[in-house]
Amino acid sequence: AERTELLALYDRGATIGGLDGTTTLTPLVAGLRSVIEGVLMSPD
């Protein structure tokens, strides 16, 4: 279930996207950033 939740975070981040300064993030990078941030804020 945790693996599924983290991949859902990736999907959401990849869909929303993001910017690094003025550079548009690729879906992969935007999604992985969501995963990393989610894990680092997790109580686990």
PDB file of all heavy atoms in Angstrom:
ATOM      1  N   ALA A   1       0.833  -1.207   0.000  1.00  0.00           N
ATOM      2  CA  ALA A   1       0.000   0.000   0.000  1.00  0.00           C
ATOM      3  C   ALA A   1       0.864   1.252   0.000  1.00  0.00           C
ATOM      4  O   ALA A   1       0.520   2.262  -0.635  1.00  0.00           O
ATOM      5  CB  ALA A   1      -0.932  -0.006   1.203  1.00  0.00           C
ATOM      6  N   GLU A   2       1.998   1.213   0.705  1.00  0.00           N
ATOM      7  CA  GLU A   2       2.900   2.368   0.736  1.00  0.00           C
ATOM      8  C   GLU A   2       3.518   2.602  -0.636  1.00  0.00           C
ATOM      9  O   GLU A   2       3.655   3.759  -1.072  1.00  0.00           O
ATOM     10  CB  GLU A   2       3.988   2.147   1.780  1.00  0.00           C
ATOM     11  CG  GLU A   2       3.475   2.156   3.211  1.00  0.00           C
ATOM     12  CD  GLU A   2       4.533   1.739   4.206  1.00  0.00           C
ATOM     13  OE1 GLU A   2       5.368   0.866   3.875  1.00  0.00           O
ATOM     14  OE2 GLU A   2       4.519   2.262   5.335  1.00  0.00           O
ATOM     15  N   ARG A   3       3.889   1.523  -1.310  1.00  0.00           N
ATOM     16  CA  ARG A   3       4.442   1.661  -2.658  1.00  0.00           C
ATOM     17  C   ARG A   3       3.415   2.305  -3.588  1.00  0.00           C
ATOM     18  O   ARG A   3       3.750   3.198  -4.382  1.00  0.00           O
ATOM     19  CB  ARG A   3       4.859   0.289  -3.192  1.00  0.00           C
ATOM     20  CG  ARG A   3       5.530   0.323  -4.559  1.00  0.00           C
ATOM     21  CD  ARG A   3       5.932  -1.087  -4.981  1.00  0.00           C
ATOM     22  NE  ARG A   3       6.734  -1.082  -6.191  1.00  0.00           N
ATOM     23  CZ  ARG A   3       6.235  -1.112  -7.421  1.00  0.00           C
ATOM     24  NH1 ARG A   3       4.917  -1.140  -7.608  1.00  0.00           N
ATOM     25  NH2 ARG A   3       7.046  -1.109  -8.475  1.00  0.00           N
ATOM     26  N   THR A   4       2.173   1.873  -3.483  1.00  0.00           N
ATOM     27  CA  THR A   4       1.107   2.445  -4.304  1.00  0.00           C
ATOM     28  C   THR A   4       0.925   3.929  -4.017  1.00  0.00           C
ATOM     29  O   THR A   4       0.749   4.739  -4.942  1.00  0.00           O
ATOM     30  CB  THR A   4      -0.212   1.698  -4.046  1.00  0.00           C
ATOM     31  OG1 THR A   4      -0.042   0.312  -4.396  1.00  0.00           O
ATOM     32  CG2 THR A   4      -1.353   2.284  -4.867  1.00  0.00           C
ATOM     33  N   GLU A   5       0.980   4.304  -2.749  1.00  0.00           N
ATOM     34  CA  GLU A   5       0.817   5.706  -2.369  1.00  0.00           C
ATOM     35  C   GLU A   5       1.954   6.575  -2.913  1.00  0.00           C
ATOM     36  O   GLU A   5       1.723   7.696  -3.390  1.00  0.00           O
ATOM     37  CB  GLU A   5       0.749   5.828  -0.852  1.00  0.00           C
ATOM     38  CG  GLU A   5      -0.515   5.253  -0.237  1.00  0.00           C
ATOM     39  CD  GLU A   5      -0.440   5.163   1.279  1.00  0.00           C
ATOM     40  OE1 GLU A   5       0.642   5.491   1.835  1.00  0.00           O
ATOM     41  OE2 GLU A   5      -1.445   4.772   1.894  1.00  0.00           O
ATOM     42  N   LEU A   6       3.177   6.056  -2.854  1.00  0.00           N
ATOM     43  CA  LEU A   6       4.314   6.837  -3.353  1.00  0.00           C
ATOM     44  C   LEU A   6       4.253   6.991  -4.871  1.00  0.00           C
ATOM     45  O   LEU A   6       4.593   8.058  -5.410  1.00  0.00           O
ATOM     46  CB  LEU A   6       5.628   6.174  -2.932  1.00  0.00           C
ATOM     47  CG  LEU A   6       5.931   6.196  -1.428  1.00  0.00           C
ATOM     48  CD1 LEU A   6       7.263   5.515  -1.135  1.00  0.00           C
ATOM     49  CD2 LEU A   6       5.938   7.625  -0.890  1.00  0.00           C
ATOM     50  N   LEU A   7       3.819   5.965  -5.557  1.00  0.00           N
ATOM     51  CA  LEU A   7       3.679   6.081  -7.008  1.00  0.00           C
ATOM     52  C   LEU A   7       2.531   7.018  -7.377  1.00  0.00           C
ATOM     53  O   LEU A   7       2.589   7.707  -8.408  1.00  0.00           O
ATOM     54  CB  LEU A   7       3.470   4.700  -7.629  1.00  0.00           C
ATOM     55  CG  LEU A   7       4.721   3.818  -7.623  1.00  0.00           C
ATOM     56  CD1 LEU A   7       4.387   2.401  -8.084  1.00  0.00           C
ATOM     57  CD2 LEU A   7       5.824   4.424  -8.491  1.00  0.00           C
ATOM     58  N   ALA A   8       1.504   7.075  -6.532  1.00  0.00           N
ATOM     59  CA  ALA A   8       0.431   8.045  -6.762  1.00  0.00           C
ATOM     60  C   ALA A   8       0.960   9.471  -6.589  1.00  0.00           C
ATOM     61  O   ALA A   8       0.547  10.387  -7.319  1.00  0.00           O
ATOM     62  CB  ALA A   8      -0.727   7.783  -5.803  1.00  0.00           C
ATOM     63  N   LEU A   9       1.877   9.659  -5.625  1.00  0.00           N
ATOM     64  CA  LEU A   9       2.521  10.970  -5.473  1.00  0.00           C
ATOM     65  C   LEU A   9       3.301  11.329  -6.729  1.00  0.00           C
ATOM     66  O   LEU A   9       3.287  12.479  -7.183  1.00  0.00           O
ATOM     67  CB  LEU A   9       3.476  10.951  -4.272  1.00  0.00           C
ATOM     68  CG  LEU A   9       2.958  11.377  -2.911  1.00  0.00           C
ATOM     69  CD1 LEU A   9       4.089  11.297  -1.887  1.00  0.00           C
ATOM     70  CD2 LEU A   9       2.395  12.797  -2.960  1.00  0.00           C
ATOM     71  N   TYR A  10       4.014  10.336  -7.265  1.00  0.00           N
ATOM     72  CA  TYR A  10       4.756  10.580  -8.509  1.00  0.00           C
ATOM     73  C   TYR A  10       3.811  10.993  -9.628  1.00  0.00           C
ATOM     74  O   TYR A  10       4.072  11.976 -10.340  1.00  0.00           O
ATOM     75  CB  TYR A  10       5.536   9.336  -8.933  1.00  0.00           C
ATOM     76  CG  TYR A  10       6.057   9.455 -10.345  1.00  0.00           C
ATOM     77  CD1 TYR A  10       7.222  10.158 -10.602  1.00  0.00           C
ATOM     78  CD2 TYR A  10       5.339   8.931 -11.432  1.00  0.00           C
ATOM     79  CE1 TYR A  10       7.682  10.329 -11.910  1.00  0.00           C
ATOM     80  CE2 TYR A  10       5.794   9.090 -12.728  1.00  0.00           C
ATOM     81  CZ  TYR A  10       6.962   9.796 -12.958  1.00  0.00           C
ATOM     82  OH  TYR A  10       7.400   9.977 -14.243  1.00  0.00           O
ATOM     83  N   ASP A  11       2.730  10.252  -9.812  1.00  0.00           N
ATOM     84  CA  ASP A  11       1.787  10.543 -10.892  1.00  0.00           C
ATOM     85  C   ASP A  11       1.227  11.961 -10.760  1.00  0.00           C
ATOM     86  O   ASP A  11       1.096  12.688 -11.753  1.00  0.00           O
ATOM     87  CB  ASP A  11       0.644   9.534 -10.879  1.00  0.00           C
ATOM     88  CG  ASP A  11       1.105   8.131 -11.266  1.00  0.00           C
ATOM     89  OD1 ASP A  11       2.129   8.015 -11.970  1.00  0.00           O
ATOM     90  OD2 ASP A  11       0.446   7.155 -10.851  1.00  0.00           O
ATOM     91  N   ARG A  12       0.913  12.343  -9.551  1.00  0.00           N
ATOM     92  CA  ARG A  12       0.352  13.678  -9.338  1.00  0.00           C
ATOM     93  C   ARG A  12       1.391  14.755  -9.656  1.00  0.00           C
ATOM     94  O   ARG A  12       1.107  15.740 -10.329  1.00  0.00           O
ATOM     95  CB  ARG A  12      -0.133  13.822  -7.895  1.00  0.00           C
ATOM     96  CG  ARG A  12      -0.825  15.151  -7.592  1.00  0.00           C
ATOM     97  CD  ARG A  12      -1.430  15.127  -6.188  1.00  0.00           C
ATOM     98  NE  ARG A  12      -2.177  16.344  -5.912  1.00  0.00           N
ATOM     99  CZ  ARG A  12      -1.652  17.466  -5.446  1.00  0.00           C
ATOM    100  NH1 ARG A  12      -0.337  17.519  -5.200  1.00  0.00           N
ATOM    101  NH2 ARG A  12      -2.389  18.539  -5.226  1.00  0.00           N
ATOM    102  N   GLY A  13       2.619  14.557  -9.163  1.00  0.00           N
ATOM    103  CA  GLY A  13       3.668  15.534  -9.436  1.00  0.00           C
ATOM    104  C   GLY A  13       4.010  15.623 -10.906  1.00  0.00           C
ATOM    105  O   GLY A  13       4.222  16.715 -11.444  1.00  0.00           O
ATOM    106  N   ALA A  14       4.064  14.470 -11.579  1.00  0.00           N
ATOM    107  CA  ALA A  14       4.381  14.460 -13.008  1.00  0.00           C
ATOM    108  C   ALA A  14       3.291  15.146 -13.815  1.00  0.00           C
ATOM    109  O   ALA A  14       3.571  15.799 -14.842  1.00  0.00           O
ATOM    110  CB  ALA A  14       4.565  13.023 -13.489  1.00  0.00           C
ATOM    111  N   THR A  15       2.042  15.045 -13.362  1.00  0.00           N
ATOM    112  CA  THR A  15       0.929  15.672 -14.071  1.00  0.00           C
ATOM    113  C   THR A  15       0.910  17.179 -13.859  1.00  0.00           C
ATOM    114  O   THR A  15       0.730  17.960 -14.807  1.00  0.00           O
ATOM    115  CB  THR A  15      -0.409  15.071 -13.601  1.00  0.00           C
ATOM    116  OG1 THR A  15      -0.411  13.669 -13.871  1.00  0.00           O
ATOM    117  CG2 THR A  15      -1.575  15.722 -14.315  1.00  0.00           C
ATOM    118  N   ILE A  16       1.135  17.600 -12.617  1.00  0.00           N
ATOM    119  CA  ILE A  16       1.105  19.037 -12.301  1.00  0.00           C
ATOM    120  C   ILE A  16       2.326  19.744 -12.863  1.00  0.00           C
ATOM    121  O   ILE A  16       2.247  20.873 -13.364  1.00  0.00           O
ATOM    122  CB  ILE A  16       1.006  19.242 -10.778  1.00  0.00           C
ATOM    123  CG1 ILE A  16      -0.326  18.709 -10.259  1.00  0.00           C
ATOM    124  CG2 ILE A  16       1.168  20.711 -10.415  1.00  0.00           C
ATOM    125  CD1 ILE A  16      -0.455  18.758  -8.756  1.00  0.00           C
ATOM    126  N   GLY A  17       3.494  19.080 -12.783  1.00  0.00           N
ATOM    127  CA  GLY A  17       4.731  19.694 -13.264  1.00  0.00           C
ATOM    128  C   GLY A  17       5.267  20.714 -12.275  1.00  0.00           C
ATOM    129  O   GLY A  17       4.870  20.757 -11.107  1.00  0.00           O
ATOM    130  N   GLY A  18       6.190  21.534 -12.736  1.00  0.00           N
ATOM    131  CA  GLY A  18       6.780  22.547 -11.874  1.00  0.00           C
ATOM    132  C   GLY A  18       7.892  23.281 -12.570  1.00  0.00           C
ATOM    133  O   GLY A  18       8.236  22.994 -13.728  1.00  0.00           O
ATOM    134  N   LEU A  19       8.446  24.260 -11.857  1.00  0.00           N
ATOM    135  CA  LEU A  19       9.525  25.077 -12.383  1.00  0.00           C
ATOM    136  C   LEU A  19      10.726  25.015 -11.456  1.00  0.00           C
ATOM    137  O   LEU A  19      10.591  24.892 -10.246  1.00  0.00           O
ATOM    138  CB  LEU A  19       9.080  26.534 -12.526  1.00  0.00           C
ATOM    139  CG  LEU A  19       7.975  26.848 -13.532  1.00  0.00           C
ATOM    140  CD1 LEU A  19       7.557  28.310 -13.408  1.00  0.00           C
ATOM    141  CD2 LEU A  19       8.454  26.544 -14.958  1.00  0.00           C
ATOM    142  N   ASP A  20      11.897  25.108 -12.047  1.00  0.00           N
ATOM    143  CA  ASP A  20      13.129  25.272 -11.288  1.00  0.00           C
ATOM    144  C   ASP A  20      13.724  26.589 -11.754  1.00  0.00           C
ATOM    145  O   ASP A  20      14.445  26.640 -12.748  1.00  0.00           O
ATOM    146  CB  ASP A  20      14.082  24.115 -11.547  1.00  0.00           C
ATOM    147  CG  ASP A  20      15.288  24.152 -10.620  1.00  0.00           C
ATOM    148  OD1 ASP A  20      15.441  25.152  -9.892  1.00  0.00           O
ATOM    149  OD2 ASP A  20      16.066  23.186 -10.622  1.00  0.00           O
ATOM    150  N   GLY A  21      13.352  27.657 -11.037  1.00  0.00           N
ATOM    151  CA  GLY A  21      13.674  28.980 -11.534  1.00  0.00           C
ATOM    152  C   GLY A  21      12.761  29.292 -12.709  1.00  0.00           C
ATOM    153  O   GLY A  21      11.547  29.352 -12.563  1.00  0.00           O
ATOM    154  N   THR A  22      13.369  29.431 -13.864  1.00  0.00           N
ATOM    155  CA  THR A  22      12.570  29.676 -15.077  1.00  0.00           C
ATOM    156  C   THR A  22      12.516  28.447 -15.979  1.00  0.00           C
ATOM    157  O   THR A  22      11.934  28.495 -17.062  1.00  0.00           O
ATOM    158  CB  THR A  22      13.166  30.853 -15.863  1.00  0.00           C
ATOM    159  OG1 THR A  22      14.522  30.549 -16.212  1.00  0.00           O
ATOM    160  CG2 THR A  22      13.126  32.135 -15.038  1.00  0.00           C
ATOM    161  N   THR A  23      13.126  27.355 -15.520  1.00  0.00           N
ATOM    162  CA  THR A  23      13.182  26.126 -16.322  1.00  0.00           C
ATOM    163  C   THR A  23      12.024  25.212 -15.965  1.00  0.00           C
ATOM    164  O   THR A  23      11.782  24.943 -14.781  1.00  0.00           O
ATOM    165  CB  THR A  23      14.507  25.382 -16.089  1.00  0.00           C
ATOM    166  OG1 THR A  23      15.602  26.263 -16.381  1.00  0.00           O
ATOM    167  CG2 THR A  23      14.595  24.143 -16.963  1.00  0.00           C
ATOM    168  N   THR A  24      11.309  24.733 -16.961  1.00  0.00           N
ATOM    169  CA  THR A  24      10.200  23.813 -16.730  1.00  0.00           C
ATOM    170  C   THR A  24      10.745  22.416 -16.459  1.00  0.00           C
ATOM    171  O   THR A  24      11.590  21.910 -17.205  1.00  0.00           O
ATOM    172  CB  THR A  24       9.271  23.766 -17.958  1.00  0.00           C
ATOM    173  OG1 THR A  24       8.755  25.070 -18.210  1.00  0.00           O
ATOM    174  CG2 THR A  24       8.118  22.803 -17.722  1.00  0.00           C
ATOM    175  N   LEU A  25      10.294  21.803 -15.377  1.00  0.00           N
ATOM    176  CA  LEU A  25      10.751  20.469 -15.006  1.00  0.00           C
ATOM    177  C   LEU A  25      10.136  19.418 -15.932  1.00  0.00           C
ATOM    178  O   LEU A  25       8.983  19.546 -16.347  1.00  0.00           O
ATOM    179  CB  LEU A  25      10.357  20.153 -13.567  1.00  0.00           C
ATOM    180  CG  LEU A  25      10.906  21.073 -12.476  1.00  0.00           C
ATOM    181  CD1 LEU A  25      10.345  20.666 -11.111  1.00  0.00           C
ATOM    182  CD2 LEU A  25      12.427  21.043 -12.449  1.00  0.00           C
ATOM    183  N   THR A  26      10.906  18.386 -16.228  1.00  0.00           N
ATOM    184  CA  THR A  26      10.345  17.264 -16.971  1.00  0.00           C
ATOM    185  C   THR A  26       9.356  16.531 -16.070  1.00  0.00           C
ATOM    186  O   THR A  26       9.441  16.610 -14.833  1.00  0.00           O
ATOM    187  CB  THR A  26      11.443  16.292 -17.410  1.00  0.00           C
ATOM    188  OG1 THR A  26      12.024  15.692 -16.239  1.00  0.00           O
ATOM    189  CG2 THR A  26      12.523  17.011 -18.209  1.00  0.00           C
ATOM    190  N   PRO A  27       8.398  15.798 -16.630  1.00  0.00           N
ATOM    191  CA  PRO A  27       7.462  15.038 -15.784  1.00  0.00           C
ATOM    192  C   PRO A  27       8.173  14.101 -14.806  1.00  0.00           C
ATOM    193  O   PRO A  27       7.741  13.955 -13.662  1.00  0.00           O
ATOM    194  CB  PRO A  27       6.627  14.274 -16.799  1.00  0.00           C
ATOM    195  CG  PRO A  27       6.643  15.138 -18.021  1.00  0.00           C
ATOM    196  CD  PRO A  27       8.033  15.726 -18.063  1.00  0.00           C
ATOM    197  N   LEU A  28       9.274  13.459 -15.266  1.00  0.00           N
ATOM    198  CA  LEU A  28       9.997  12.550 -14.385  1.00  0.00           C
ATOM    199  C   LEU A  28      10.558  13.290 -13.180  1.00  0.00           C
ATOM    200  O   LEU A  28      10.381  12.862 -12.027  1.00  0.00           O
ATOM    201  CB  LEU A  28      11.130  11.851 -15.139  1.00  0.00           C
ATOM    202  CG  LEU A  28      12.052  10.961 -14.289  1.00  0.00           C
ATOM    203  CD1 LEU A  28      11.266   9.814 -13.677  1.00  0.00           C
ATOM    204  CD2 LEU A  28      13.224  10.442 -15.117  1.00  0.00           C
ATOM    205  N   VAL A  29      11.227  14.392 -13.404  1.00  0.00           N
ATOM    206  CA  VAL A  29      11.842  15.145 -12.304  1.00  0.00           C
ATOM    207  C   VAL A  29      10.774  15.729 -11.379  1.00  0.00           C
ATOM    208  O   VAL A  29      10.887  15.654 -10.151  1.00  0.00           O
ATOM    209  CB  VAL A  29      12.751  16.263 -12.860  1.00  0.00           C
ATOM    210  CG1 VAL A  29      13.189  17.210 -11.742  1.00  0.00           C
ATOM    211  CG2 VAL A  29      13.973  15.651 -13.547  1.00  0.00           C
ATOM    212  N   ALA A  30       9.709  16.281 -11.961  1.00  0.00           N
ATOM    213  CA  ALA A  30       8.641  16.846 -11.129  1.00  0.00           C
ATOM    214  C   ALA A  30       7.989  15.765 -10.274  1.00  0.00           C
ATOM    215  O   ALA A  30       7.703  15.976  -9.089  1.00  0.00           O
ATOM    216  CB  ALA A  30       7.594  17.519 -12.017  1.00  0.00           C
ATOM    217  N   GLY A  31       7.791  14.588 -10.860  1.00  0.00           N
ATOM    218  CA  GLY A  31       7.183  13.497 -10.107  1.00  0.00           C
ATOM    219  C   GLY A  31       8.088  12.969  -9.010  1.00  0.00           C
ATOM    220  O   GLY A  31       7.637  12.709  -7.887  1.00  0.00           O
ATOM    221  N   LEU A  32       9.381  12.827  -9.308  1.00  0.00           N
ATOM    222  CA  LEU A  32      10.317  12.333  -8.298  1.00  0.00           C
ATOM    223  C   LEU A  32      10.476  13.326  -7.163  1.00  0.00           C
ATOM    224  O   LEU A  32      10.645  12.928  -5.997  1.00  0.00           O
ATOM    225  CB  LEU A  32      11.675  12.023  -8.936  1.00  0.00           C
ATOM    226  CG  LEU A  32      11.727  10.821  -9.874  1.00  0.00           C
ATOM    227  CD1 LEU A  32      13.155  10.572 -10.339  1.00  0.00           C
ATOM    228  CD2 LEU A  32      11.163   9.566  -9.201  1.00  0.00           C
ATOM    229  N   ARG A  33      10.412  14.604  -7.473  1.00  0.00           N
ATOM    230  CA  ARG A  33      10.480  15.590  -6.392  1.00  0.00           C
ATOM    231  C   ARG A  33       9.297  15.434  -5.446  1.00  0.00           C
ATOM    232  O   ARG A  33       9.441  15.553  -4.221  1.00  0.00           O
ATOM    233  CB  ARG A  33      10.523  17.010  -6.961  1.00  0.00           C
ATOM    234  CG  ARG A  33      11.861  17.390  -7.563  1.00  0.00           C
ATOM    235  CD  ARG A  33      11.949  18.884  -7.829  1.00  0.00           C
ATOM    236  NE  ARG A  33      13.210  19.249  -8.449  1.00  0.00           N
ATOM    237  CZ  ARG A  33      13.605  20.493  -8.696  1.00  0.00           C
ATOM    238  NH1 ARG A  33      12.796  21.513  -8.398  1.00  0.00           N
ATOM    239  NH2 ARG A  33      14.774  20.742  -9.245  1.00  0.00           N
ATOM    240  N   SER A  34       8.138  15.153  -5.978  1.00  0.00           N
ATOM    241  CA  SER A  34       6.964  14.928  -5.131  1.00  0.00           C
ATOM    242  C   SER A  34       7.169  13.716  -4.232  1.00  0.00           C
ATOM    243  O   SER A  34       6.815  13.737  -3.045  1.00  0.00           O
ATOM    244  CB  SER A  34       5.709  14.736  -5.989  1.00  0.00           C
ATOM    245  OG  SER A  34       5.357  15.926  -6.659  1.00  0.00           O
ATOM    246  N   VAL A  35       7.748  12.654  -4.791  1.00  0.00           N
ATOM    247  CA  VAL A  35       8.003  11.450  -3.999  1.00  0.00           C
ATOM    248  C   VAL A  35       8.999  11.747  -2.884  1.00  0.00           C
ATOM    249  O   VAL A  35       8.770  11.381  -1.715  1.00  0.00           O
ATOM    250  CB  VAL A  35       8.538  10.324  -4.903  1.00  0.00           C
ATOM    251  CG1 VAL A  35       9.019   9.138  -4.055  1.00  0.00           C
ATOM    252  CG2 VAL A  35       7.472   9.875  -5.886  1.00  0.00           C
ATOM    253  N   ILE A  36      10.089  12.396  -3.214  1.00  0.00           N
ATOM    254  CA  ILE A  36      11.126  12.676  -2.218  1.00  0.00           C
ATOM    255  C   ILE A  36      10.585  13.562  -1.104  1.00  0.00           C
ATOM    256  O   ILE A  36      10.788  13.298   0.094  1.00  0.00           O
ATOM    257  CB  ILE A  36      12.351  13.331  -2.890  1.00  0.00           C
ATOM    258  CG1 ILE A  36      12.978  12.365  -3.903  1.00  0.00           C
ATOM    259  CG2 ILE A  36      13.388  13.752  -1.844  1.00  0.00           C
ATOM    260  CD1 ILE A  36      13.935  13.016  -4.870  1.00  0.00           C
ATOM    261  N   GLU A  37       9.878  14.623  -1.483  1.00  0.00           N
ATOM    262  CA  GLU A  37       9.319  15.519  -0.472  1.00  0.00           C
ATOM    263  C   GLU A  37       8.312  14.786   0.412  1.00  0.00           C
ATOM    264  O   GLU A  37       8.292  14.976   1.636  1.00  0.00           O
ATOM    265  CB  GLU A  37       8.657  16.727  -1.146  1.00  0.00           C
ATOM    266  CG  GLU A  37       9.644  17.658  -1.822  1.00  0.00           C
ATOM    267  CD  GLU A  37       8.958  18.680  -2.713  1.00  0.00           C
ATOM    268  OE1 GLU A  37       7.723  18.828  -2.622  1.00  0.00           O
ATOM    269  OE2 GLU A  37       9.662  19.338  -3.513  1.00  0.00           O
ATOM    270  N   GLY A  38       7.480  13.933  -0.199  1.00  0.00           N
ATOM    271  CA  GLY A  38       6.497  13.186   0.582  1.00  0.00           C
ATOM    272  C   GLY A  38       7.148  12.243   1.574  1.00  0.00           C
ATOM    273  O   GLY A  38       6.722  12.152   2.732  1.00  0.00           O
ATOM    274  N   VAL A  39       8.197  11.550   1.134  1.00  0.00           N
ATOM    275  CA  VAL A  39       8.886  10.616   2.024  1.00  0.00           C
ATOM    276  C   VAL A  39       9.576  11.366   3.159  1.00  0.00           C
ATOM    277  O   VAL A  39       9.499  10.957   4.326  1.00  0.00           O
ATOM    278  CB  VAL A  39       9.902   9.781   1.228  1.00  0.00           C
ATOM    279  CG1 VAL A  39      10.845   9.027   2.168  1.00  0.00           C
ATOM    280  CG2 VAL A  39       9.181   8.794   0.318  1.00  0.00           C
ATOM    281  N   LEU A  40      10.242  12.463   2.845  1.00  0.00           N
ATOM    282  CA  LEU A  40      10.980  13.201   3.873  1.00  0.00           C
ATOM    283  C   LEU A  40      10.067  13.887   4.877  1.00  0.00           C
ATOM    284  O   LEU A  40      10.510  14.261   5.965  1.00  0.00           O
ATOM    285  CB  LEU A  40      11.909  14.237   3.225  1.00  0.00           C
ATOM    286  CG  LEU A  40      13.032  13.680   2.351  1.00  0.00           C
ATOM    287  CD1 LEU A  40      13.927  14.805   1.849  1.00  0.00           C
ATOM    288  CD2 LEU A  40      13.854  12.645   3.106  1.00  0.00           C
ATOM    289  N   MET A  41       8.790  14.038   4.546  1.00  0.00           N
ATOM    290  CA  MET A  41       7.822  14.601   5.493  1.00  0.00           C
ATOM    291  C   MET A  41       7.004  13.517   6.179  1.00  0.00           C
ATOM    292  O   MET A  41       6.149  13.817   7.016  1.00  0.00           O
ATOM    293  CB  MET A  41       6.888  15.584   4.771  1.00  0.00           C
ATOM    294  CG  MET A  41       7.551  16.863   4.314  1.00  0.00           C
ATOM    295  SD  MET A  41       8.286  17.803   5.685  1.00  0.00           S
ATOM    296  CE  MET A  41       6.825  18.251   6.633  1.00  0.00           C
ATOM    297  N   SER A  42       7.249  12.271   5.851  1.00  0.00           N
ATOM    298  CA  SER A  42       6.480  11.172   6.433  1.00  0.00           C
ATOM    299  C   SER A  42       6.940  10.885   7.860  1.00  0.00           C
ATOM    300  O   SER A  42       8.144  10.911   8.155  1.00  0.00           O
ATOM    301  CB  SER A  42       6.652   9.908   5.584  1.00  0.00           C
ATOM    302  OG  SER A  42       6.122   8.785   6.261  1.00  0.00           O
ATOM    303  N   PRO A  43       6.012  10.560   8.760  1.00  0.00           N
ATOM    304  CA  PRO A  43       6.409  10.129  10.106  1.00  0.00           C
ATOM    305  C   PRO A  43       7.326   8.914  10.084  1.00  0.00           C
ATOM    306  O   PRO A  43       8.147   8.744  10.992  1.00  0.00           O
ATOM    307  CB  PRO A  43       5.068   9.810  10.789  1.00  0.00           C
ATOM    308  CG  PRO A  43       4.060  10.603  10.041  1.00  0.00           C
ATOM    309  CD  PRO A  43       4.543  10.635   8.625  1.00  0.00           C
ATOM    310  N   ASP A  44       7.196   8.070   9.059  1.00  0.00           N
ATOM    311  CA  ASP A  44       8.043   6.882   8.978  1.00  0.00           C
ATOM    312  C   ASP A  44       9.496   7.236   8.706  1.00  0.00           C
ATOM    313  O   ASP A  44      10.390   6.418   8.944  1.00  0.00           O
ATOM    314  CB  ASP A  44       7.528   5.944   7.883  1.00  0.00           C
ATOM    315  CG  ASP A  44       6.209   5.312   8.268  1.00  0.00           C
ATOM    316  OD1 ASP A  44       6.229   4.371   9.070  1.00  0.00           O
ATOM    317  OD2 ASP A  44       5.161   5.784   7.794  1.00  0.00           O
TER     318      ASP A  44
END
